[in-house]
């Protein structure tokens, strides 16, 4: 086996050995956070959500009182996100689709 064939075989083994990476999916959820009522509230909510492992992006706003969270569903879920806002003093729930 020449070097080129050996490298190709190693590359194929590496791809076959890492199927878990393809199982993770990026998801986005909108959380309703009705107790946010001042300019500092969205900052506190955003920082709490950013500490959750797997969270990739957070946009929290006062009007409407919500947080849009992009996350890796293999690392976290909605329960952990709502728990993080609750621990920060801002209970949240999934915002129903319109």
PDB file of N, CA and C in Angstrom:
ATOM      1  N   UNK A   1       0.854  -1.172   0.000  1.00  0.00           N
ATOM      2  CA  UNK A   1       0.000   0.000   0.000  1.00  0.00           C
ATOM      3  C   UNK A   1       0.900   1.236   0.000  1.00  0.00           C
ATOM      4  N   UNK A   2       0.649   2.133  -0.934  1.00  0.00           N
ATOM      5  CA  UNK A   2       1.465   3.342  -0.987  1.00  0.00           C
ATOM      6  C   UNK A   2       0.945   4.375   0.021  1.00  0.00           C
ATOM      7  N   UNK A   3       1.681   5.474   0.197  1.00  0.00           N
ATOM      8  CA  UNK A   3       1.325   6.487   1.193  1.00  0.00           C
ATOM      9  C   UNK A   3      -0.033   7.129   0.891  1.00  0.00           C
ATOM     10  N   UNK A   4      -0.306   7.382  -0.364  1.00  0.00           N
ATOM     11  CA  UNK A   4      -1.565   8.018  -0.736  1.00  0.00           C
ATOM     12  C   UNK A   4      -2.744   7.125  -0.362  1.00  0.00           C
ATOM     13  N   UNK A   5      -2.658   5.847  -0.631  1.00  0.00           N
ATOM     14  CA  UNK A   5      -3.729   4.912  -0.283  1.00  0.00           C
ATOM     15  C   UNK A   5      -3.894   4.801   1.222  1.00  0.00           C
ATOM     16  N   UNK A   6      -2.769   4.823   1.936  1.00  0.00           N
ATOM     17  CA  UNK A   6      -2.806   4.741   3.394  1.00  0.00           C
ATOM     18  C   UNK A   6      -3.515   5.965   3.985  1.00  0.00           C
ATOM     19  N   UNK A   7      -3.180   7.166   3.496  1.00  0.00           N
ATOM     20  CA  UNK A   7      -3.834   8.378   3.987  1.00  0.00           C
ATOM     21  C   UNK A   7      -5.331   8.365   3.666  1.00  0.00           C
ATOM     22  N   UNK A   8      -5.706   7.882   2.493  1.00  0.00           N
ATOM     23  CA  UNK A   8      -7.116   7.806   2.118  1.00  0.00           C
ATOM     24  C   UNK A   8      -7.859   6.840   3.033  1.00  0.00           C
ATOM     25  N   UNK A   9      -7.244   5.725   3.361  1.00  0.00           N
ATOM     26  CA  UNK A   9      -7.864   4.742   4.255  1.00  0.00           C
ATOM     27  C   UNK A   9      -8.028   5.315   5.652  1.00  0.00           C
ATOM     28  N   UNK A  10      -7.031   6.037   6.148  1.00  0.00           N
ATOM     29  CA  UNK A  10      -7.114   6.656   7.472  1.00  0.00           C
ATOM     30  C   UNK A  10      -8.215   7.706   7.490  1.00  0.00           C
ATOM     31  N   UNK A  11      -8.331   8.490   6.437  1.00  0.00           N
ATOM     32  CA  UNK A  11      -9.367   9.516   6.361  1.00  0.00           C
ATOM     33  C   UNK A  11     -10.754   8.891   6.384  1.00  0.00           C
ATOM     34  N   UNK A  12     -10.948   7.780   5.676  1.00  0.00           N
ATOM     35  CA  UNK A  12     -12.238   7.102   5.666  1.00  0.00           C
ATOM     36  C   UNK A  12     -12.580   6.543   7.038  1.00  0.00           C
ATOM     37  N   UNK A  13     -11.602   5.998   7.738  1.00  0.00           N
ATOM     38  CA  UNK A  13     -11.836   5.476   9.079  1.00  0.00           C
ATOM     39  C   UNK A  13     -12.232   6.617  10.011  1.00  0.00           C
ATOM     40  N   UNK A  14     -11.582   7.771   9.896  1.00  0.00           N
ATOM     41  CA  UNK A  14     -11.913   8.931  10.728  1.00  0.00           C
ATOM     42  C   UNK A  14     -13.336   9.408  10.499  1.00  0.00           C
ATOM     43  N   UNK A  15     -13.783   9.412   9.253  1.00  0.00           N
ATOM     44  CA  UNK A  15     -15.150   9.835   8.938  1.00  0.00           C
ATOM     45  C   UNK A  15     -16.151   8.818   9.477  1.00  0.00           C
ATOM     46  N   UNK A  16     -15.850   7.546   9.331  1.00  0.00           N
ATOM     47  CA  UNK A  16     -16.756   6.506   9.800  1.00  0.00           C
ATOM     48  C   UNK A  16     -16.815   6.448  11.323  1.00  0.00           C
ATOM     49  N   UNK A  17     -15.755   6.846  11.987  1.00  0.00           N
ATOM     50  CA  UNK A  17     -15.707   6.758  13.447  1.00  0.00           C
ATOM     51  C   UNK A  17     -16.372   7.943  14.126  1.00  0.00           C
ATOM     52  N   UNK A  18     -16.814   8.955  13.401  1.00  0.00           N
ATOM     53  CA  UNK A  18     -17.376  10.151  14.028  1.00  0.00           C
ATOM     54  C   UNK A  18     -18.810  10.446  13.593  1.00  0.00           C
ATOM     55  N   UNK A  19     -19.723   9.458  13.648  1.00  0.00           N
ATOM     56  CA  UNK A  19     -21.092   9.744  13.229  1.00  0.00           C
ATOM     57  C   UNK A  19     -21.874  10.586  14.232  1.00  0.00           C
ATOM     58  N   UNK A  20     -21.448  10.660  15.497  1.00  0.00           N
ATOM     59  CA  UNK A  20     -22.173  11.422  16.507  1.00  0.00           C
ATOM     60  C   UNK A  20     -22.247  12.896  16.157  1.00  0.00           C
ATOM     61  N   UNK A  21     -21.241  13.431  15.515  1.00  0.00           N
ATOM     62  CA  UNK A  21     -21.230  14.850  15.182  1.00  0.00           C
ATOM     63  C   UNK A  21     -22.409  15.217  14.285  1.00  0.00           C
ATOM     64  N   UNK A  22     -22.854  14.300  13.449  1.00  0.00           N
ATOM     65  CA  UNK A  22     -23.954  14.597  12.553  1.00  0.00           C
ATOM     66  C   UNK A  22     -25.316  14.474  13.234  1.00  0.00           C
ATOM     67  N   UNK A  23     -25.367  13.912  14.443  1.00  0.00           N
ATOM     68  CA  UNK A  23     -26.633  13.756  15.139  1.00  0.00           C
ATOM     69  C   UNK A  23     -27.096  15.046  15.814  1.00  0.00           C
ATOM     70  N   UNK A  24     -26.159  15.899  16.168  1.00  0.00           N
ATOM     71  CA  UNK A  24     -26.517  17.159  16.826  1.00  0.00           C
ATOM     72  C   UNK A  24     -27.190  18.079  15.824  1.00  0.00           C
ATOM     73  N   UNK A  25     -28.142  18.825  16.332  1.00  0.00           N
ATOM     74  CA  UNK A  25     -28.860  19.746  15.450  1.00  0.00           C
ATOM     75  C   UNK A  25     -28.976  21.105  16.134  1.00  0.00           C
ATOM     76  N   UNK A  26     -28.796  22.143  15.363  1.00  0.00           N
ATOM     77  CA  UNK A  26     -28.972  23.488  15.890  1.00  0.00           C
ATOM     78  C   UNK A  26     -30.465  23.788  15.899  1.00  0.00           C
ATOM     79  N   UNK A  27     -30.958  24.215  17.038  1.00  0.00           N
ATOM     80  CA  UNK A  27     -32.366  24.557  17.156  1.00  0.00           C
ATOM     81  C   UNK A  27     -32.506  25.980  17.652  1.00  0.00           C
ATOM     82  N   UNK A  28     -33.652  26.550  17.397  1.00  0.00           N
ATOM     83  CA  UNK A  28     -33.968  27.888  17.881  1.00  0.00           C
ATOM     84  C   UNK A  28     -35.306  27.829  18.596  1.00  0.00           C
ATOM     85  N   UNK A  29     -35.356  28.469  19.761  1.00  0.00           N
ATOM     86  CA  UNK A  29     -36.589  28.527  20.527  1.00  0.00           C
ATOM     87  C   UNK A  29     -36.805  29.972  20.966  1.00  0.00           C
ATOM     88  N   UNK A  30     -38.068  30.358  21.025  1.00  0.00           N
ATOM     89  CA  UNK A  30     -38.420  31.683  21.534  1.00  0.00           C
ATOM     90  C   UNK A  30     -39.052  31.474  22.905  1.00  0.00           C
ATOM     91  N   UNK A  31     -38.430  32.082  23.918  1.00  0.00           N
ATOM     92  CA  UNK A  31     -38.940  31.986  25.280  1.00  0.00           C
ATOM     93  C   UNK A  31     -39.666  33.277  25.638  1.00  0.00           C
ATOM     94  N   UNK A  32     -40.851  33.145  26.161  1.00  0.00           N
ATOM     95  CA  UNK A  32     -41.584  34.285  26.687  1.00  0.00           C
ATOM     96  C   UNK A  32     -41.086  34.527  28.110  1.00  0.00           C
ATOM     97  N   UNK A  33     -40.687  35.764  28.397  1.00  0.00           N
ATOM     98  CA  UNK A  33     -40.151  36.113  29.713  1.00  0.00           C
ATOM     99  C   UNK A  33     -40.937  37.339  30.210  1.00  0.00           C
ATOM    100  N   UNK A  34     -42.174  37.130  30.693  1.00  0.00           N
ATOM    101  CA  UNK A  34     -43.049  38.259  31.009  1.00  0.00           C
ATOM    102  C   UNK A  34     -42.593  39.130  32.172  1.00  0.00           C
ATOM    103  N   UNK A  35     -41.723  38.623  33.036  1.00  0.00           N
ATOM    104  CA  UNK A  35     -41.310  39.415  34.200  1.00  0.00           C
ATOM    105  C   UNK A  35     -40.211  40.427  33.887  1.00  0.00           C
ATOM    106  N   UNK A  36     -39.719  40.471  32.647  1.00  0.00           N
ATOM    107  CA  UNK A  36     -38.734  41.497  32.291  1.00  0.00           C
ATOM    108  C   UNK A  36     -39.464  42.829  32.174  1.00  0.00           C
ATOM    109  N   UNK A  37     -39.023  43.833  32.957  1.00  0.00           N
ATOM    110  CA  UNK A  37     -39.734  45.108  32.937  1.00  0.00           C
ATOM    111  C   UNK A  37     -38.821  46.333  33.029  1.00  0.00           C
ATOM    112  N   UNK A  38     -37.510  46.133  32.860  1.00  0.00           N
ATOM    113  CA  UNK A  38     -36.591  47.281  32.860  1.00  0.00           C
ATOM    114  C   UNK A  38     -35.470  47.016  31.854  1.00  0.00           C
ATOM    115  N   UNK A  39     -34.680  48.016  31.577  1.00  0.00           N
ATOM    116  CA  UNK A  39     -33.632  47.906  30.562  1.00  0.00           C
ATOM    117  C   UNK A  39     -32.550  46.884  30.919  1.00  0.00           C
ATOM    118  N   UNK A  40     -32.328  46.631  32.206  1.00  0.00           N
ATOM    119  CA  UNK A  40     -31.297  45.680  32.616  1.00  0.00           C
ATOM    120  C   UNK A  40     -31.771  44.228  32.548  1.00  0.00           C
ATOM    121  N   UNK A  41     -33.074  44.027  32.563  1.00  0.00           N
ATOM    122  CA  UNK A  41     -33.620  42.658  32.577  1.00  0.00           C
ATOM    123  C   UNK A  41     -33.153  41.800  31.390  1.00  0.00           C
ATOM    124  N   UNK A  42     -33.256  42.273  30.142  1.00  0.00           N
ATOM    125  CA  UNK A  42     -32.807  41.443  29.023  1.00  0.00           C
ATOM    126  C   UNK A  42     -31.320  41.090  29.099  1.00  0.00           C
ATOM    127  N   UNK A  43     -30.520  41.980  29.660  1.00  0.00           N
ATOM    128  CA  UNK A  43     -29.090  41.702  29.805  1.00  0.00           C
ATOM    129  C   UNK A  43     -28.879  40.546  30.782  1.00  0.00           C
ATOM    130  N   UNK A  44     -29.602  40.578  31.893  1.00  0.00           N
ATOM    131  CA  UNK A  44     -29.492  39.513  32.890  1.00  0.00           C
ATOM    132  C   UNK A  44     -29.947  38.183  32.317  1.00  0.00           C
ATOM    133  N   UNK A  45     -31.054  38.182  31.591  1.00  0.00           N
ATOM    134  CA  UNK A  45     -31.576  36.960  30.977  1.00  0.00           C
ATOM    135  C   UNK A  45     -30.589  36.422  29.942  1.00  0.00           C
ATOM    136  N   UNK A  46     -30.064  37.308  29.105  1.00  0.00           N
ATOM    137  CA  UNK A  46     -29.099  36.886  28.083  1.00  0.00           C
ATOM    138  C   UNK A  46     -27.873  36.242  28.725  1.00  0.00           C
ATOM    139  N   UNK A  47     -27.325  36.869  29.746  1.00  0.00           N
ATOM    140  CA  UNK A  47     -26.129  36.333  30.400  1.00  0.00           C
ATOM    141  C   UNK A  47     -26.407  34.982  31.053  1.00  0.00           C
ATOM    142  N   UNK A  48     -27.579  34.823  31.649  1.00  0.00           N
ATOM    143  CA  UNK A  48     -27.937  33.542  32.263  1.00  0.00           C
ATOM    144  C   UNK A  48     -28.024  32.441  31.214  1.00  0.00           C
ATOM    145  N   UNK A  49     -28.626  32.752  30.075  1.00  0.00           N
ATOM    146  CA  UNK A  49     -28.765  31.753  29.012  1.00  0.00           C
ATOM    147  C   UNK A  49     -27.428  31.432  28.354  1.00  0.00           C
ATOM    148  N   UNK A  50     -26.568  32.419  28.213  1.00  0.00           N
ATOM    149  CA  UNK A  50     -25.260  32.188  27.586  1.00  0.00           C
ATOM    150  C   UNK A  50     -24.379  31.254  28.414  1.00  0.00           C
ATOM    151  N   UNK A  51     -24.660  31.116  29.697  1.00  0.00           N
ATOM    152  CA  UNK A  51     -23.880  30.223  30.557  1.00  0.00           C
ATOM    153  C   UNK A  51     -24.266  28.759  30.393  1.00  0.00           C
ATOM    154  N   UNK A  52     -25.397  28.483  29.757  1.00  0.00           N
ATOM    155  CA  UNK A  52     -25.850  27.111  29.567  1.00  0.00           C
ATOM    156  C   UNK A  52     -25.006  26.459  28.469  1.00  0.00           C
ATOM    157  N   UNK A  53     -24.347  25.329  28.770  1.00  0.00           N
ATOM    158  CA  UNK A  53     -23.547  24.650  27.743  1.00  0.00           C
ATOM    159  C   UNK A  53     -24.409  24.292  26.528  1.00  0.00           C
ATOM    160  N   UNK A  54     -23.907  24.596  25.351  1.00  0.00           N
ATOM    161  CA  UNK A  54     -24.617  24.295  24.116  1.00  0.00           C
ATOM    162  C   UNK A  54     -25.341  25.488  23.519  1.00  0.00           C
ATOM    163  N   UNK A  55     -25.499  26.560  24.298  1.00  0.00           N
ATOM    164  CA  UNK A  55     -26.147  27.758  23.766  1.00  0.00           C
ATOM    165  C   UNK A  55     -25.160  28.459  22.841  1.00  0.00           C
ATOM    166  N   UNK A  56     -25.617  28.777  21.643  1.00  0.00           N
ATOM    167  CA  UNK A  56     -24.753  29.376  20.634  1.00  0.00           C
ATOM    168  C   UNK A  56     -25.007  30.865  20.439  1.00  0.00           C
ATOM    169  N   UNK A  57     -26.262  31.289  20.638  1.00  0.00           N
ATOM    170  CA  UNK A  57     -26.595  32.698  20.433  1.00  0.00           C
ATOM    171  C   UNK A  57     -27.866  33.018  21.206  1.00  0.00           C
ATOM    172  N   UNK A  58     -27.920  34.213  21.789  1.00  0.00           N
ATOM    173  CA  UNK A  58     -29.101  34.665  22.526  1.00  0.00           C
ATOM    174  C   UNK A  58     -29.394  36.112  22.149  1.00  0.00           C
ATOM    175  N   UNK A  59     -30.665  36.392  21.909  1.00  0.00           N
ATOM    176  CA  UNK A  59     -31.122  37.767  21.723  1.00  0.00           C
ATOM    177  C   UNK A  59     -32.317  37.952  22.645  1.00  0.00           C
ATOM    178  N   UNK A  60     -32.142  38.733  23.698  1.00  0.00           N
ATOM    179  CA  UNK A  60     -33.216  39.006  24.646  1.00  0.00           C
ATOM    180  C   UNK A  60     -33.672  40.448  24.466  1.00  0.00           C
ATOM    181  N   UNK A  61     -34.989  40.654  24.469  1.00  0.00           N
ATOM    182  CA  UNK A  61     -35.537  41.991  24.257  1.00  0.00           C
ATOM    183  C   UNK A  61     -36.601  42.304  25.313  1.00  0.00           C
ATOM    184  N   UNK A  62     -36.709  43.584  25.609  1.00  0.00           N
ATOM    185  CA  UNK A  62     -37.706  44.044  26.563  1.00  0.00           C
ATOM    186  C   UNK A  62     -39.088  44.124  25.923  1.00  0.00           C
ATOM    187  N   UNK A  63     -39.117  44.584  24.672  1.00  0.00           N
ATOM    188  CA  UNK A  63     -40.389  44.695  23.954  1.00  0.00           C
ATOM    189  C   UNK A  63     -40.266  44.046  22.600  1.00  0.00           C
ATOM    190  N   UNK A  64     -40.790  42.867  22.376  1.00  0.00           N
ATOM    191  CA  UNK A  64     -41.552  42.072  23.323  1.00  0.00           C
ATOM    192  C   UNK A  64     -40.632  41.413  24.365  1.00  0.00           C
ATOM    193  N   UNK A  65     -41.190  41.041  25.479  1.00  0.00           N
ATOM    194  CA  UNK A  65     -40.420  40.422  26.570  1.00  0.00           C
ATOM    195  C   UNK A  65     -40.161  38.959  26.229  1.00  0.00           C
ATOM    196  N   UNK A  66     -39.054  38.747  25.515  1.00  0.00           N
ATOM    197  CA  UNK A  66     -38.745  37.397  25.055  1.00  0.00           C
ATOM    198  C   UNK A  66     -37.250  37.227  24.850  1.00  0.00           C
ATOM    199  N   UNK A  67     -36.861  35.970  24.735  1.00  0.00           N
ATOM    200  CA  UNK A  67     -35.479  35.631  24.415  1.00  0.00           C
ATOM    201  C   UNK A  67     -35.496  34.612  23.285  1.00  0.00           C
ATOM    202  N   UNK A  68     -34.746  34.896  22.235  1.00  0.00           N
ATOM    203  CA  UNK A  68     -34.592  33.970  21.121  1.00  0.00           C
ATOM    204  C   UNK A  68     -33.246  33.287  21.322  1.00  0.00           C
ATOM    205  N   UNK A  69     -33.284  31.953  21.440  1.00  0.00           N
ATOM    206  CA  UNK A  69     -32.084  31.200  21.803  1.00  0.00           C
ATOM    207  C   UNK A  69     -31.780  30.162  20.731  1.00  0.00           C
ATOM    208  N   UNK A  70     -30.549  30.209  20.203  1.00  0.00           N
ATOM    209  CA  UNK A  70     -30.058  29.171  19.303  1.00  0.00           C
ATOM    210  C   UNK A  70     -29.157  28.264  20.123  1.00  0.00           C
ATOM    211  N   UNK A  71     -29.385  26.938  20.015  1.00  0.00           N
ATOM    212  CA  UNK A  71     -28.625  26.010  20.836  1.00  0.00           C
ATOM    213  C   UNK A  71     -28.414  24.682  20.122  1.00  0.00           C
ATOM    214  N   UNK A  72     -27.433  23.941  20.613  1.00  0.00           N
ATOM    215  CA  UNK A  72     -27.116  22.606  20.130  1.00  0.00           C
ATOM    216  C   UNK A  72     -27.962  21.633  20.936  1.00  0.00           C
ATOM    217  N   UNK A  73     -28.893  20.945  20.281  1.00  0.00           N
ATOM    218  CA  UNK A  73     -29.811  20.083  21.018  1.00  0.00           C
ATOM    219  C   UNK A  73     -29.161  18.817  21.561  1.00  0.00           C
ATOM    220  N   UNK A  74     -27.921  18.545  21.191  1.00  0.00           N
ATOM    221  CA  UNK A  74     -27.201  17.411  21.770  1.00  0.00           C
ATOM    222  C   UNK A  74     -26.591  17.790  23.118  1.00  0.00           C
ATOM    223  N   UNK A  75     -26.484  19.096  23.389  1.00  0.00           N
ATOM    224  CA  UNK A  75     -25.853  19.556  24.624  1.00  0.00           C
ATOM    225  C   UNK A  75     -26.841  20.136  25.624  1.00  0.00           C
ATOM    226  N   UNK A  76     -27.973  20.624  25.165  1.00  0.00           N
ATOM    227  CA  UNK A  76     -28.948  21.232  26.074  1.00  0.00           C
ATOM    228  C   UNK A  76     -30.341  21.118  25.489  1.00  0.00           C
ATOM    229  N   UNK A  77     -31.319  21.507  26.284  1.00  0.00           N
ATOM    230  CA  UNK A  77     -32.700  21.473  25.839  1.00  0.00           C
ATOM    231  C   UNK A  77     -33.485  22.614  26.466  1.00  0.00           C
ATOM    232  N   UNK A  78     -34.740  22.694  26.114  1.00  0.00           N
ATOM    233  CA  UNK A  78     -35.593  23.779  26.581  1.00  0.00           C
ATOM    234  C   UNK A  78     -35.701  23.772  28.103  1.00  0.00           C
ATOM    235  N   UNK A  79     -35.743  22.594  28.720  1.00  0.00           N
ATOM    236  CA  UNK A  79     -35.842  22.527  30.184  1.00  0.00           C
ATOM    237  C   UNK A  79     -34.668  23.233  30.858  1.00  0.00           C
ATOM    238  N   UNK A  80     -33.467  23.030  30.336  1.00  0.00           N
ATOM    239  CA  UNK A  80     -32.285  23.681  30.918  1.00  0.00           C
ATOM    240  C   UNK A  80     -32.302  25.183  30.672  1.00  0.00           C
ATOM    241  N   UNK A  81     -32.843  25.590  29.536  1.00  0.00           N
ATOM    242  CA  UNK A  81     -32.923  27.016  29.227  1.00  0.00           C
ATOM    243  C   UNK A  81     -33.908  27.716  30.162  1.00  0.00           C
ATOM    244  N   UNK A  82     -35.084  27.128  30.338  1.00  0.00           N
ATOM    245  CA  UNK A  82     -36.074  27.739  31.220  1.00  0.00           C
ATOM    246  C   UNK A  82     -35.606  27.689  32.676  1.00  0.00           C
ATOM    247  N   UNK A  83     -34.875  26.669  33.044  1.00  0.00           N
ATOM    248  CA  UNK A  83     -34.322  26.596  34.400  1.00  0.00           C
ATOM    249  C   UNK A  83     -33.302  27.716  34.620  1.00  0.00           C
ATOM    250  N   UNK A  84     -32.505  28.017  33.607  1.00  0.00           N
ATOM    251  CA  UNK A  84     -31.508  29.086  33.726  1.00  0.00           C
ATOM    252  C   UNK A  84     -32.173  30.449  33.925  1.00  0.00           C
ATOM    253  N   UNK A  85     -33.248  30.718  33.193  1.00  0.00           N
ATOM    254  CA  UNK A  85     -33.919  32.004  33.377  1.00  0.00           C
ATOM    255  C   UNK A  85     -34.615  32.061  34.736  1.00  0.00           C
ATOM    256  N   UNK A  86     -35.165  30.946  35.171  1.00  0.00           N
ATOM    257  CA  UNK A  86     -35.821  30.893  36.480  1.00  0.00           C
ATOM    258  C   UNK A  86     -34.817  31.169  37.599  1.00  0.00           C
ATOM    259  N   UNK A  87     -33.631  30.532  37.524  1.00  0.00           N
ATOM    260  CA  UNK A  87     -32.584  30.746  38.540  1.00  0.00           C
ATOM    261  C   UNK A  87     -32.129  32.204  38.552  1.00  0.00           C
ATOM    262  N   UNK A  88     -32.198  32.874  37.406  1.00  0.00           N
ATOM    263  CA  UNK A  88     -31.802  34.285  37.328  1.00  0.00           C
ATOM    264  C   UNK A  88     -32.916  35.217  37.810  1.00  0.00           C
ATOM    265  N   UNK A  89     -34.065  34.645  38.161  1.00  0.00           N
ATOM    266  CA  UNK A  89     -35.177  35.460  38.661  1.00  0.00           C
ATOM    267  C   UNK A  89     -36.221  35.823  37.618  1.00  0.00           C
ATOM    268  N   UNK A  90     -36.125  35.189  36.443  1.00  0.00           N
ATOM    269  CA  UNK A  90     -37.036  35.502  35.343  1.00  0.00           C
ATOM    270  C   UNK A  90     -37.641  34.220  34.771  1.00  0.00           C
ATOM    271  N   UNK A  91     -38.698  33.710  35.386  1.00  0.00           N
ATOM    272  CA  UNK A  91     -39.320  32.485  34.846  1.00  0.00           C
ATOM    273  C   UNK A  91     -39.725  32.680  33.381  1.00  0.00           C
ATOM    274  N   UNK A  92     -39.578  31.626  32.603  1.00  0.00           N
ATOM    275  CA  UNK A  92     -39.906  31.712  31.189  1.00  0.00           C
ATOM    276  C   UNK A  92     -40.641  30.457  30.739  1.00  0.00           C
ATOM    277  N   UNK A  93     -41.222  30.555  29.570  1.00  0.00           N
ATOM    278  CA  UNK A  93     -41.883  29.405  28.950  1.00  0.00           C
ATOM    279  C   UNK A  93     -41.754  29.549  27.444  1.00  0.00           C
ATOM    280  N   UNK A  94     -41.968  28.468  26.742  1.00  0.00           N
ATOM    281  CA  UNK A  94     -41.900  28.513  25.276  1.00  0.00           C
ATOM    282  C   UNK A  94     -43.023  29.404  24.762  1.00  0.00           C
ATOM    283  N   UNK A  95     -42.657  30.312  23.901  1.00  0.00           N
ATOM    284  CA  UNK A  95     -43.654  31.211  23.318  1.00  0.00           C
ATOM    285  C   UNK A  95     -44.419  30.438  22.239  1.00  0.00           C
ATOM    286  N   UNK A  96     -45.742  30.423  22.330  1.00  0.00           N
ATOM    287  CA  UNK A  96     -46.520  29.699  21.331  1.00  0.00           C
ATOM    288  C   UNK A  96     -46.341  30.306  19.939  1.00  0.00           C
ATOM    289  N   UNK A  97     -46.358  29.447  18.937  1.00  0.00           N
ATOM    290  CA  UNK A  97     -46.249  29.931  17.546  1.00  0.00           C
ATOM    291  C   UNK A  97     -47.519  30.673  17.177  1.00  0.00           C
ATOM    292  N   UNK A  98     -47.361  31.691  16.335  1.00  0.00           N
ATOM    293  CA  UNK A  98     -48.528  32.481  15.909  1.00  0.00           C
ATOM    294  C   UNK A  98     -49.262  31.802  14.800  1.00  0.00           C
TER     295      UNK A  98
END
